[in-house]
Amino acid sequence: MARDDKVQMPSSMGGLVRYFDEYKSKIEIKPGHVVLLSGLVMVIEILLHTFGKLK
């Protein structure tokens, strides 16, 4: 059960700034490209790790 003796602060939005409305980047990367690049980096690292142990 909830306790009634807790102090609760009032909820407010004061001081928050929405930066994404003010700034638009010139470089935009699609989420699919990020996933593809991450997968490619993982494959390269696995290959380097595997072939690096052969010596």
Protein backbone atom coordinates (compact mmCIF):
# COMPACT_ATOMS: atom_id res chain seq x y z
CA MET A 1 0.00 0.00 0.00
CA ALA A 2 1.23 3.53 -0.71
CA ARG A 3 2.49 5.60 2.19
CA ASP A 4 0.91 9.00 2.75
CA ASP A 5 3.88 10.55 4.57
CA LYS A 6 6.02 11.01 1.42
CA VAL A 7 6.68 14.53 0.15
CA GLN A 8 5.86 14.95 -3.53
CA MET A 9 7.28 17.76 -5.64
CA PRO A 10 4.99 19.53 -8.08
CA SER A 11 5.31 18.45 -11.68
CA SER A 12 6.40 21.23 -13.99
CA MET A 13 8.04 21.71 -17.36
CA GLY A 14 9.92 24.87 -16.43
CA GLY A 15 13.42 25.25 -17.86
CA LEU A 16 13.16 22.52 -20.48
CA VAL A 17 14.33 23.43 -23.96
CA ARG A 18 13.46 21.46 -27.05
CA TYR A 19 16.74 21.53 -28.97
CA PHE A 20 15.59 19.31 -31.82
CA ASP A 21 13.24 22.09 -32.97
CA GLU A 22 16.10 24.58 -33.17
CA TYR A 23 18.83 22.55 -34.87
CA LYS A 24 18.69 20.51 -38.06
CA SER A 25 21.79 18.48 -38.94
CA LYS A 26 23.11 18.55 -42.48
CA ILE A 27 24.12 14.89 -42.21
CA GLU A 28 21.28 12.43 -41.76
CA ILE A 29 21.86 8.68 -41.43
CA LYS A 30 19.01 6.23 -41.85
CA PRO A 31 18.57 3.63 -39.08
CA GLY A 32 18.98 0.80 -41.60
CA HIS A 33 22.40 2.09 -42.57
CA VAL A 34 23.48 2.16 -38.93
CA VAL A 35 22.38 -1.46 -38.45
CA LEU A 36 24.16 -2.53 -41.65
CA LEU A 37 27.37 -0.74 -40.70
CA SER A 38 27.28 -2.24 -37.19
CA GLY A 39 26.86 -5.73 -38.64
CA LEU A 40 29.72 -5.15 -41.05
CA VAL A 41 32.02 -3.99 -38.24
CA MET A 42 31.11 -7.09 -36.20
CA VAL A 43 31.87 -9.42 -39.12
CA ILE A 44 35.22 -7.73 -39.77
CA GLU A 45 36.15 -7.94 -36.09
CA ILE A 46 35.22 -11.64 -35.93
CA LEU A 47 37.33 -12.34 -39.04
CA LEU A 48 40.30 -10.43 -37.63
CA HIS A 49 39.98 -12.22 -34.30
CA THR A 50 39.76 -15.64 -35.98
CA PHE A 51 42.61 -15.16 -38.46
CA GLY A 52 44.78 -13.38 -35.90
CA LYS A 53 44.97 -16.55 -33.80
CA LEU A 54 46.26 -18.69 -36.66
CA LYS A 55 49.85 -17.56 -36.28
